[in-house]
PDB file of N, CA and C in Angstrom:
ATOM      1  N   MET A   1       0.735  -1.266  -0.253  1.00  0.00           N
ATOM      2  CA  MET A   1       0.130  -0.191   0.040  1.00  0.00           C
ATOM      3  C   MET A   1       0.835   1.197   0.021  1.00  0.00           C
ATOM      4  N   ASN A   2       0.643   2.119  -1.130  1.00  0.00           N
ATOM      5  CA  ASN A   2       1.019   3.292  -0.620  1.00  0.00           C
ATOM      6  C   ASN A   2       0.077   4.824  -0.106  1.00  0.00           C
ATOM      7  N   LEU A   3       0.460   5.358   0.985  1.00  0.00           N
ATOM      8  CA  LEU A   3      -0.247   6.451   1.610  1.00  0.00           C
ATOM      9  C   LEU A   3      -0.751   7.429   0.851  1.00  0.00           C
ATOM     10  N   PHE A   4      -0.175   7.390   0.060  1.00  0.00           N
ATOM     11  CA  PHE A   4      -0.584   9.133  -1.055  1.00  0.00           C
ATOM     12  C   PHE A   4      -1.365   8.272  -2.109  1.00  0.00           C
ATOM     13  N   GLN A   5      -1.643   6.904  -2.534  1.00  0.00           N
ATOM     14  CA  GLN A   5      -2.521   6.501  -3.405  1.00  0.00           C
ATOM     15  C   GLN A   5      -3.797   6.314  -2.828  1.00  0.00           C
ATOM     16  N   ASN A   6      -5.028   5.929  -4.021  1.00  0.00           N
ATOM     17  CA  ASN A   6      -6.260   5.519  -3.585  1.00  0.00           C
ATOM     18  C   ASN A   6      -6.962   6.158  -3.128  1.00  0.00           C
ATOM     19  N   ILE A   7      -6.762   7.461  -3.364  1.00  0.00           N
ATOM     20  CA  ILE A   7      -7.678   8.443  -2.386  1.00  0.00           C
ATOM     21  C   ILE A   7      -8.658   9.000  -3.250  1.00  0.00           C
ATOM     22  N   PRO A   8      -9.926   8.710  -3.212  1.00  0.00           N
ATOM     23  CA  PRO A   8     -11.140   9.302  -4.066  1.00  0.00           C
ATOM     24  C   PRO A   8     -10.884  10.712  -4.426  1.00  0.00           C
ATOM     25  N   ALA A   9     -11.388  11.169  -5.699  1.00  0.00           N
ATOM     26  CA  ALA A   9     -11.389  12.203  -6.366  1.00  0.00           C
ATOM     27  C   ALA A   9     -12.342  13.151  -4.994  1.00  0.00           C
ATOM     28  N   GLU A  10     -13.506  12.469  -4.852  1.00  0.00           N
ATOM     29  CA  GLU A  10     -14.591  13.658  -3.945  1.00  0.00           C
ATOM     30  C   GLU A  10     -14.451  13.031  -2.362  1.00  0.00           C
ATOM     31  N   LEU A  11     -14.206  13.819  -1.458  1.00  0.00           N
ATOM     32  CA  LEU A  11     -14.153  13.320  -0.137  1.00  0.00           C
ATOM     33  C   LEU A  11     -15.457  14.288   0.597  1.00  0.00           C
ATOM     34  N   PRO A  12     -16.451  13.728   0.044  1.00  0.00           N
ATOM     35  CA  PRO A  12     -17.895  14.110   0.916  1.00  0.00           C
ATOM     36  C   PRO A  12     -17.727  14.032   2.366  1.00  0.00           C
ATOM     37  N   GLU A  13     -17.036  13.149   2.868  1.00  0.00           N
ATOM     38  CA  GLU A  13     -16.800  12.889   4.146  1.00  0.00           C
ATOM     39  C   GLU A  13     -15.099  12.624   4.522  1.00  0.00           C
ATOM     40  N   GLU A  14     -14.690  12.873   5.576  1.00  0.00           N
ATOM     41  CA  GLU A  14     -13.173  12.432   5.868  1.00  0.00           C
ATOM     42  C   GLU A  14     -13.161  11.146   6.050  1.00  0.00           C
ATOM     43  N   LEU A  15     -11.869  10.388   5.288  1.00  0.00           N
ATOM     44  CA  LEU A  15     -11.874   9.193   5.048  1.00  0.00           C
ATOM     45  C   LEU A  15     -10.876   8.608   6.105  1.00  0.00           C
ATOM     46  N   SER A  16     -11.336   7.617   6.843  1.00  0.00           N
ATOM     47  CA  SER A  16     -10.506   6.831   7.722  1.00  0.00           C
ATOM     48  C   SER A  16     -10.405   5.262   7.430  1.00  0.00           C
ATOM     49  N   GLU A  17      -9.223   5.096   7.684  1.00  0.00           N
ATOM     50  CA  GLU A  17      -8.859   3.510   7.375  1.00  0.00           C
ATOM     51  C   GLU A  17      -7.819   3.080   8.100  1.00  0.00           C
ATOM     52  N   THR A  18      -8.337   2.201   8.446  1.00  0.00           N
ATOM     53  CA  THR A  18      -7.603   1.069   9.635  1.00  0.00           C
ATOM     54  C   THR A  18      -6.399  -0.209   8.670  1.00  0.00           C
ATOM     55  N   LEU A  19      -5.268   0.756   8.951  1.00  0.00           N
ATOM     56  CA  LEU A  19      -4.036  -0.209   7.874  1.00  0.00           C
ATOM     57  C   LEU A  19      -3.522  -1.715   8.791  1.00  0.00           C
ATOM     58  N   LEU A  20      -3.412  -1.494  10.130  1.00  0.00           N
ATOM     59  CA  LEU A  20      -3.164  -2.469  10.930  1.00  0.00           C
ATOM     60  C   LEU A  20      -3.603  -2.330  12.252  1.00  0.00           C
ATOM     61  N   GLU A  21      -4.096  -3.636  12.845  1.00  0.00           N
ATOM     62  CA  GLU A  21      -4.648  -3.685  13.985  1.00  0.00           C
ATOM     63  C   GLU A  21      -4.312  -4.552  14.802  1.00  0.00           C
ATOM     64  N   ALA A  22      -3.540  -4.701  15.920  1.00  0.00           N
ATOM     65  CA  ALA A  22      -3.242  -5.745  16.991  1.00  0.00           C
ATOM     66  C   ALA A  22      -3.442  -5.620  18.104  1.00  0.00           C
ATOM     67  N   LYS A  23      -3.365  -6.284  19.338  1.00  0.00           N
ATOM     68  CA  LYS A  23      -3.660  -6.060  20.591  1.00  0.00           C
ATOM     69  C   LYS A  23      -3.555  -4.772  21.303  1.00  0.00           C
ATOM     70  N   TYR A  24      -3.009  -4.295  21.376  1.00  0.00           N
ATOM     71  CA  TYR A  24      -2.616  -2.860  22.180  1.00  0.00           C
ATOM     72  C   TYR A  24      -2.103  -1.560  20.833  1.00  0.00           C
ATOM     73  N   VAL A  25      -2.062  -1.692  19.553  1.00  0.00           N
ATOM     74  CA  VAL A  25      -2.001  -0.753  18.376  1.00  0.00           C
ATOM     75  C   VAL A  25      -3.128  -1.252  17.525  1.00  0.00           C
ATOM     76  N   ARG A  26      -3.355   0.288  16.713  1.00  0.00           N
ATOM     77  CA  ARG A  26      -3.946   0.244  15.498  1.00  0.00           C
ATOM     78  C   ARG A  26      -3.791   1.524  15.056  1.00  0.00           C
ATOM     79  N   ILE A  27      -3.304   1.211  13.582  1.00  0.00           N
ATOM     80  CA  ILE A  27      -2.603   2.452  12.466  1.00  0.00           C
ATOM     81  C   ILE A  27      -3.814   2.813  11.796  1.00  0.00           C
ATOM     82  N   GLU A  28      -3.884   4.142  11.507  1.00  0.00           N
ATOM     83  CA  GLU A  28      -5.100   4.179  10.530  1.00  0.00           C
ATOM     84  C   GLU A  28      -4.562   5.431   9.979  1.00  0.00           C
ATOM     85  N   ARG A  29      -4.944   5.332   8.485  1.00  0.00           N
ATOM     86  CA  ARG A  29      -4.521   6.574   7.775  1.00  0.00           C
ATOM     87  C   ARG A  29      -6.145   7.349   7.508  1.00  0.00           C
ATOM     88  N   ILE A  30      -5.507   8.787   7.742  1.00  0.00           N
ATOM     89  CA  ILE A  30      -6.907   9.717   7.573  1.00  0.00           C
ATOM     90  C   ILE A  30      -6.666  10.363   6.467  1.00  0.00           C
ATOM     91  N   VAL A  31      -7.521  10.838   5.678  1.00  0.00           N
ATOM     92  CA  VAL A  31      -7.649  12.072   4.686  1.00  0.00           C
ATOM     93  C   VAL A  31      -8.748  12.721   4.637  1.00  0.00           C
ATOM     94  N   SER A  32      -8.530  13.779   5.233  1.00  0.00           N
ATOM     95  CA  SER A  32      -9.212  15.052   5.127  1.00  0.00           C
ATOM     96  C   SER A  32      -8.694  16.252   3.614  1.00  0.00           C
ATOM     97  N   LYS A  33     -10.224  16.883   3.598  1.00  0.00           N
ATOM     98  CA  LYS A  33     -10.005  17.841   2.554  1.00  0.00           C
ATOM     99  C   LYS A  33     -11.126  19.206   3.056  1.00  0.00           C
ATOM    100  N   GLY A  34     -10.343  19.888   3.822  1.00  0.00           N
ATOM    101  CA  GLY A  34     -11.453  20.841   4.458  1.00  0.00           C
ATOM    102  C   GLY A  34     -12.154  20.514   5.290  1.00  0.00           C
ATOM    103  N   HIS A  35     -12.301  19.341   5.996  1.00  0.00           N
ATOM    104  CA  HIS A  35     -13.067  18.645   7.336  1.00  0.00           C
ATOM    105  C   HIS A  35     -12.191  19.120   8.542  1.00  0.00           C
ATOM    106  N   CYS A  36     -12.960  19.219   9.319  1.00  0.00           N
ATOM    107  CA  CYS A  36     -12.723  19.343  10.820  1.00  0.00           C
ATOM    108  C   CYS A  36     -13.528  18.805  11.942  1.00  0.00           C
ATOM    109  N   SER A  37     -13.245  19.005  12.954  1.00  0.00           N
ATOM    110  CA  SER A  37     -14.619  18.745  13.870  1.00  0.00           C
ATOM    111  C   SER A  37     -15.667  19.305  14.166  1.00  0.00           C
ATOM    112  N   PRO A  38     -16.545  18.515  14.181  1.00  0.00           N
ATOM    113  CA  PRO A  38     -18.052  19.427  14.302  1.00  0.00           C
ATOM    114  C   PRO A  38     -17.977  20.341  15.679  1.00  0.00           C
ATOM    115  N   GLU A  39     -18.290  21.696  15.159  1.00  0.00           N
ATOM    116  CA  GLU A  39     -18.489  22.842  16.096  1.00  0.00           C
ATOM    117  C   GLU A  39     -18.853  22.363  17.499  1.00  0.00           C
ATOM    118  N   GLY A  40     -18.072  22.735  18.221  1.00  0.00           N
ATOM    119  CA  GLY A  40     -18.603  22.337  20.163  1.00  0.00           C
ATOM    120  C   GLY A  40     -18.003  21.197  20.233  1.00  0.00           C
ATOM    121  N   SER A  41     -17.924  19.909  19.269  1.00  0.00           N
ATOM    122  CA  SER A  41     -17.272  18.747  19.757  1.00  0.00           C
ATOM    123  C   SER A  41     -15.731  18.608  19.968  1.00  0.00           C
ATOM    124  N   TRP A  42     -15.685  17.762  20.621  1.00  0.00           N
ATOM    125  CA  TRP A  42     -14.059  17.347  20.877  1.00  0.00           C
ATOM    126  C   TRP A  42     -14.128  15.657  21.302  1.00  0.00           C
ATOM    127  N   TYR A  43     -13.155  15.187  20.588  1.00  0.00           N
ATOM    128  CA  TYR A  43     -12.519  13.606  20.627  1.00  0.00           C
ATOM    129  C   TYR A  43     -12.022  13.475  22.455  1.00  0.00           C
ATOM    130  N   ASP A  44     -12.363  12.409  22.859  1.00  0.00           N
ATOM    131  CA  ASP A  44     -12.276  12.126  24.423  1.00  0.00           C
ATOM    132  C   ASP A  44     -12.069  10.309  24.274  1.00  0.00           C
ATOM    133  N   GLN A  45     -10.804   9.850  24.124  1.00  0.00           N
ATOM    134  CA  GLN A  45     -10.626   8.613  23.591  1.00  0.00           C
ATOM    135  C   GLN A  45      -9.887   7.869  24.885  1.00  0.00           C
ATOM    136  N   ASP A  46     -10.369   6.695  24.737  1.00  0.00           N
ATOM    137  CA  ASP A  46      -9.868   5.594  25.827  1.00  0.00           C
ATOM    138  C   ASP A  46      -8.141   5.239  25.509  1.00  0.00           C
ATOM    139  N   GLU A  47      -7.929   5.490  24.505  1.00  0.00           N
ATOM    140  CA  GLU A  47      -6.561   5.215  24.344  1.00  0.00           C
ATOM    141  C   GLU A  47      -5.884   6.382  23.782  1.00  0.00           C
ATOM    142  N   ASP A  48      -4.251   6.312  24.106  1.00  0.00           N
ATOM    143  CA  ASP A  48      -3.208   7.334  23.757  1.00  0.00           C
ATOM    144  C   ASP A  48      -3.339   7.387  22.036  1.00  0.00           C
ATOM    145  N   GLU A  49      -2.815   8.449  21.769  1.00  0.00           N
ATOM    146  CA  GLU A  49      -2.742   8.686  19.760  1.00  0.00           C
ATOM    147  C   GLU A  49      -1.533   9.435  19.547  1.00  0.00           C
ATOM    148  N   TRP A  50      -0.920   9.108  18.733  1.00  0.00           N
ATOM    149  CA  TRP A  50       0.394   9.455  18.061  1.00  0.00           C
ATOM    150  C   TRP A  50      -0.179  10.040  16.778  1.00  0.00           C
ATOM    151  N   VAL A  51       0.233  11.368  16.188  1.00  0.00           N
ATOM    152  CA  VAL A  51      -0.317  11.833  15.188  1.00  0.00           C
ATOM    153  C   VAL A  51       1.304  12.415  14.061  1.00  0.00           C
ATOM    154  N   VAL A  52       1.125  11.907  12.882  1.00  0.00           N
ATOM    155  CA  VAL A  52       1.955  12.770  12.377  1.00  0.00           C
ATOM    156  C   VAL A  52       1.481  13.045  10.854  1.00  0.00           C
ATOM    157  N   LEU A  53       1.715  14.206  10.508  1.00  0.00           N
ATOM    158  CA  LEU A  53       0.825  14.748   9.326  1.00  0.00           C
ATOM    159  C   LEU A  53       1.990  14.672   8.393  1.00  0.00           C
ATOM    160  N   LEU A  54       1.222  13.658   6.647  1.00  0.00           N
ATOM    161  CA  LEU A  54       2.103  13.225   6.205  1.00  0.00           C
ATOM    162  C   LEU A  54       2.019  14.430   4.513  1.00  0.00           C
ATOM    163  N   LYS A  55       1.001  14.766   5.017  1.00  0.00           N
ATOM    164  CA  LYS A  55       0.659  16.181   3.629  1.00  0.00           C
ATOM    165  C   LYS A  55      -0.290  16.917   3.675  1.00  0.00           C
ATOM    166  N   GLY A  56      -0.454  18.270   3.501  1.00  0.00           N
ATOM    167  CA  GLY A  56      -1.488  19.280   3.730  1.00  0.00           C
ATOM    168  C   GLY A  56      -0.923  19.998   5.126  1.00  0.00           C
ATOM    169  N   ARG A  57      -2.086  20.726   5.587  1.00  0.00           N
ATOM    170  CA  ARG A  57      -2.033  21.550   6.607  1.00  0.00           C
ATOM    171  C   ARG A  57      -3.179  21.650   7.468  1.00  0.00           C
ATOM    172  N   ALA A  58      -2.978  21.390   8.721  1.00  0.00           N
ATOM    173  CA  ALA A  58      -4.006  21.296   9.896  1.00  0.00           C
ATOM    174  C   ALA A  58      -4.115  22.085  10.605  1.00  0.00           C
ATOM    175  N   GLN A  59      -5.123  22.542  11.599  1.00  0.00           N
ATOM    176  CA  GLN A  59      -4.850  22.950  12.848  1.00  0.00           C
ATOM    177  C   GLN A  59      -5.595  22.033  14.340  1.00  0.00           C
ATOM    178  N   LEU A  60      -4.709  21.454  15.065  1.00  0.00           N
ATOM    179  CA  LEU A  60      -5.260  20.630  15.946  1.00  0.00           C
ATOM    180  C   LEU A  60      -5.079  21.233  17.486  1.00  0.00           C
ATOM    181  N   VAL A  61      -6.397  21.740  18.174  1.00  0.00           N
ATOM    182  CA  VAL A  61      -6.602  22.151  19.300  1.00  0.00           C
ATOM    183  C   VAL A  61      -6.660  21.383  20.680  1.00  0.00           C
ATOM    184  N   ILE A  62      -5.753  21.112  21.606  1.00  0.00           N
ATOM    185  CA  ILE A  62      -5.688  20.399  22.508  1.00  0.00           C
ATOM    186  C   ILE A  62      -6.447  21.425  23.676  1.00  0.00           C
ATOM    187  N   GLU A  63      -7.390  20.854  24.225  1.00  0.00           N
ATOM    188  CA  GLU A  63      -8.622  21.866  25.079  1.00  0.00           C
ATOM    189  C   GLU A  63      -7.482  22.222  26.169  1.00  0.00           C
ATOM    190  N   GLY A  64      -7.578  23.688  26.427  1.00  0.00           N
ATOM    191  CA  GLY A  64      -7.375  24.046  27.607  1.00  0.00           C
ATOM    192  C   GLY A  64      -5.573  24.484  27.588  1.00  0.00           C
ATOM    193  N   VAL A  65      -4.877  23.719  26.672  1.00  0.00           N
ATOM    194  CA  VAL A  65      -3.733  23.918  26.332  1.00  0.00           C
ATOM    195  C   VAL A  65      -2.805  24.655  25.396  1.00  0.00           C
ATOM    196  N   LEU A  66      -3.138  24.113  24.024  1.00  0.00           N
ATOM    197  CA  LEU A  66      -2.613  24.925  22.872  1.00  0.00           C
ATOM    198  C   LEU A  66      -3.582  24.656  21.898  1.00  0.00           C
ATOM    199  N   ALA A  67      -3.137  25.206  20.524  1.00  0.00           N
ATOM    200  CA  ALA A  67      -3.491  25.245  19.414  1.00  0.00           C
ATOM    201  C   ALA A  67      -2.360  24.987  18.635  1.00  0.00           C
ATOM    202  N   ILE A  68      -2.532  23.858  17.491  1.00  0.00           N
ATOM    203  CA  ILE A  68      -0.902  23.359  16.995  1.00  0.00           C
ATOM    204  C   ILE A  68      -1.036  23.801  15.413  1.00  0.00           C
ATOM    205  N   GLU A  69      -0.489  24.356  14.630  1.00  0.00           N
ATOM    206  CA  GLU A  69      -0.633  24.481  13.249  1.00  0.00           C
ATOM    207  C   GLU A  69       0.043  23.256  12.654  1.00  0.00           C
ATOM    208  N   MET A  70      -0.306  22.391  11.967  1.00  0.00           N
ATOM    209  CA  MET A  70       0.465  21.102  11.639  1.00  0.00           C
ATOM    210  C   MET A  70       1.358  21.242  10.535  1.00  0.00           C
ATOM    211  N   GLU A  71       2.234  21.351   9.905  1.00  0.00           N
ATOM    212  CA  GLU A  71       2.255  20.916   8.377  1.00  0.00           C
ATOM    213  C   GLU A  71       3.362  19.491   8.118  1.00  0.00           C
ATOM    214  N   PRO A  72       3.513  19.022   7.026  1.00  0.00           N
ATOM    215  CA  PRO A  72       4.048  18.026   6.931  1.00  0.00           C
ATOM    216  C   PRO A  72       5.328  17.530   7.723  1.00  0.00           C
ATOM    217  N   GLY A  73       5.283  16.695   8.320  1.00  0.00           N
ATOM    218  CA  GLY A  73       6.490  15.977   9.131  1.00  0.00           C
ATOM    219  C   GLY A  73       6.274  16.405  10.715  1.00  0.00           C
ATOM    220  N   ASP A  74       5.249  17.320  11.045  1.00  0.00           N
ATOM    221  CA  ASP A  74       4.941  17.855  12.400  1.00  0.00           C
ATOM    222  C   ASP A  74       4.110  16.273  13.070  1.00  0.00           C
ATOM    223  N   THR A  75       4.466  15.787  14.289  1.00  0.00           N
ATOM    224  CA  THR A  75       3.844  14.872  15.090  1.00  0.00           C
ATOM    225  C   THR A  75       3.390  15.483  16.545  1.00  0.00           C
ATOM    226  N   TYR A  76       2.499  14.768  16.843  1.00  0.00           N
ATOM    227  CA  TYR A  76       1.944  15.117  18.196  1.00  0.00           C
ATOM    228  C   TYR A  76       1.394  13.872  19.298  1.00  0.00           C
ATOM    229  N   ASN A  77       1.667  13.877  20.386  1.00  0.00           N
ATOM    230  CA  ASN A  77       1.311  12.923  21.192  1.00  0.00           C
ATOM    231  C   ASN A  77      -0.077  13.120  21.907  1.00  0.00           C
ATOM    232  N   ILE A  78      -1.073  12.587  21.978  1.00  0.00           N
ATOM    233  CA  ILE A  78      -2.442  12.935  22.460  1.00  0.00           C
ATOM    234  C   ILE A  78      -2.860  11.710  23.562  1.00  0.00           C
ATOM    235  N   PRO A  79      -2.153  12.358  24.990  1.00  0.00           N
ATOM    236  CA  PRO A  79      -2.909  11.084  25.916  1.00  0.00           C
ATOM    237  C   PRO A  79      -4.276  10.603  25.959  1.00  0.00           C
ATOM    238  N   ALA A  80      -4.341   9.455  26.132  1.00  0.00           N
ATOM    239  CA  ALA A  80      -5.746   8.947  26.426  1.00  0.00           C
ATOM    240  C   ALA A  80      -6.432  10.151  27.339  1.00  0.00           C
ATOM    241  N   HIS A  81      -7.643  10.363  27.120  1.00  0.00           N
ATOM    242  CA  HIS A  81      -8.864  11.333  27.529  1.00  0.00           C
ATOM    243  C   HIS A  81      -8.259  12.654  27.423  1.00  0.00           C
ATOM    244  N   GLN A  82      -7.365  13.065  26.827  1.00  0.00           N
ATOM    245  CA  GLN A  82      -7.128  14.478  26.337  1.00  0.00           C
ATOM    246  C   GLN A  82      -7.982  15.048  25.454  1.00  0.00           C
ATOM    247  N   ARG A  83      -8.878  15.920  25.824  1.00  0.00           N
ATOM    248  CA  ARG A  83      -9.668  16.453  24.644  1.00  0.00           C
ATOM    249  C   ARG A  83      -9.215  17.045  23.532  1.00  0.00           C
ATOM    250  N   HIS A  84      -9.146  16.909  22.327  1.00  0.00           N
ATOM    251  CA  HIS A  84      -8.628  17.441  21.617  1.00  0.00           C
ATOM    252  C   HIS A  84      -9.866  17.884  20.450  1.00  0.00           C
ATOM    253  N   ARG A  85      -9.354  18.556  19.176  1.00  0.00           N
ATOM    254  CA  ARG A  85     -10.348  18.578  18.082  1.00  0.00           C
ATOM    255  C   ARG A  85      -9.419  19.065  16.718  1.00  0.00           C
ATOM    256  N   VAL A  86     -10.046  18.781  15.857  1.00  0.00           N
ATOM    257  CA  VAL A  86      -9.349  19.306  14.582  1.00  0.00           C
ATOM    258  C   VAL A  86     -10.220  20.634  14.078  1.00  0.00           C
ATOM    259  N   GLU A  87      -9.323  21.961  14.099  1.00  0.00           N
ATOM    260  CA  GLU A  87      -9.712  23.100  13.815  1.00  0.00           C
ATOM    261  C   GLU A  87     -10.512  23.487  12.362  1.00  0.00           C
ATOM    262  N   TRP A  88      -9.243  22.827  11.414  1.00  0.00           N
ATOM    263  CA  TRP A  88      -9.303  23.019  10.160  1.00  0.00           C
ATOM    264  C   TRP A  88      -8.323  22.069   9.257  1.00  0.00           C
ATOM    265  N   THR A  89      -8.739  21.855   8.393  1.00  0.00           N
ATOM    266  CA  THR A  89      -7.761  20.977   7.377  1.00  0.00           C
ATOM    267  C   THR A  89      -7.773  22.055   5.894  1.00  0.00           C
ATOM    268  N   ASP A  90      -6.636  21.612   5.353  1.00  0.00           N
ATOM    269  CA  ASP A  90      -6.386  22.852   4.132  1.00  0.00           C
ATOM    270  C   ASP A  90      -7.689  21.821   3.267  1.00  0.00           C
ATOM    271  N   GLY A  91      -8.292  23.077   2.751  1.00  0.00           N
ATOM    272  CA  GLY A  91      -9.657  22.774   1.594  1.00  0.00           C
ATOM    273  C   GLY A  91      -9.230  22.768   0.202  1.00  0.00           C
ATOM    274  N   ASP A  92      -7.962  23.019  -0.131  1.00  0.00           N
ATOM    275  CA  ASP A  92      -7.323  22.980  -1.620  1.00  0.00           C
ATOM    276  C   ASP A  92      -6.756  21.828  -1.961  1.00  0.00           C
ATOM    277  N   SER A  93      -6.282  21.154  -0.979  1.00  0.00           N
ATOM    278  CA  SER A  93      -5.639  19.633  -1.194  1.00  0.00           C
ATOM    279  C   SER A  93      -5.840  18.741  -0.138  1.00  0.00           C
ATOM    280  N   GLU A  94      -5.479  17.591  -0.047  1.00  0.00           N
ATOM    281  CA  GLU A  94      -5.842  16.441   0.726  1.00  0.00           C
ATOM    282  C   GLU A  94      -4.828  16.992   1.650  1.00  0.00           C
ATOM    283  N   THR A  95      -5.308  16.674   2.976  1.00  0.00           N
ATOM    284  CA  THR A  95      -4.458  16.418   4.168  1.00  0.00           C
ATOM    285  C   THR A  95      -4.559  15.189   4.425  1.00  0.00           C
ATOM    286  N   ILE A  96      -3.117  14.176   4.873  1.00  0.00           N
ATOM    287  CA  ILE A  96      -3.003  13.340   5.258  1.00  0.00           C
ATOM    288  C   ILE A  96      -2.216  12.701   6.152  1.00  0.00           C
ATOM    289  N   TRP A  97      -3.145  12.290   7.242  1.00  0.00           N
ATOM    290  CA  TRP A  97      -2.591  11.866   8.710  1.00  0.00           C
ATOM    291  C   TRP A  97      -2.054  10.254   8.758  1.00  0.00           C
ATOM    292  N   LEU A  98      -1.335   9.997   9.581  1.00  0.00           N
ATOM    293  CA  LEU A  98      -0.921   8.445  10.198  1.00  0.00           C
ATOM    294  C   LEU A  98      -1.021   8.541  11.467  1.00  0.00           C
ATOM    295  N   ALA A  99      -2.041   7.891  11.659  1.00  0.00           N
ATOM    296  CA  ALA A  99      -2.335   7.582  13.410  1.00  0.00           C
ATOM    297  C   ALA A  99      -2.313   6.670  13.751  1.00  0.00           C
ATOM    298  N   ILE A 100      -1.626   6.512  14.994  1.00  0.00           N
ATOM    299  CA  ILE A 100      -1.174   5.401  15.810  1.00  0.00           C
ATOM    300  C   ILE A 100      -1.976   5.404  17.206  1.00  0.00           C
ATOM    301  N   PHE A 101      -3.003   4.632  17.395  1.00  0.00           N
ATOM    302  CA  PHE A 101      -3.461   4.685  18.750  1.00  0.00           C
ATOM    303  C   PHE A 101      -2.827   3.288  19.375  1.00  0.00           C
ATOM    304  N   TYR A 102      -2.534   3.606  21.016  1.00  0.00           N
ATOM    305  CA  TYR A 102      -2.042   2.613  21.806  1.00  0.00           C
ATOM    306  C   TYR A 102      -2.873   2.533  23.159  1.00  0.00           C
ATOM    307  N   GLU A 103      -2.359   1.425  23.790  1.00  0.00           N
ATOM    308  CA  GLU A 103      -2.715   1.362  25.186  1.00  0.00           C
ATOM    309  C   GLU A 103      -0.956   1.495  26.014  1.00  0.00           C
TER     310      GLU A 103
END
C-alpha cells in the first residue's frame, strides 16, 4: 500500500482506514480535505494517539493547552482522555494523517 494513493477524487466525508490492528495498537490513515471536528465537539478517547501529518496542513487544538498549526512532518502525542479537536484542514488539497492508537 502507498499512503498517497487510492484517495477518492471527491471526499464528502473524512476518510479513515485501519491499516493494521493488533492487541495494543491500531494504525489508521486519515484523509481530510477541508474537514474539521463538528462545532463544539471534542474527541475524548480511551487510548493514547500519536499522529503525524504526512501531507497538507491542519490545526489541532488541545483543550485548555494549545492550538498547533501542523505541516508535513509534524507530530503530536495525545494522551488518553485529553480532549482535542481538528479546527481546520486545508480545503485546497488532501491532508493525510497517520494515526497510531495505543495502550
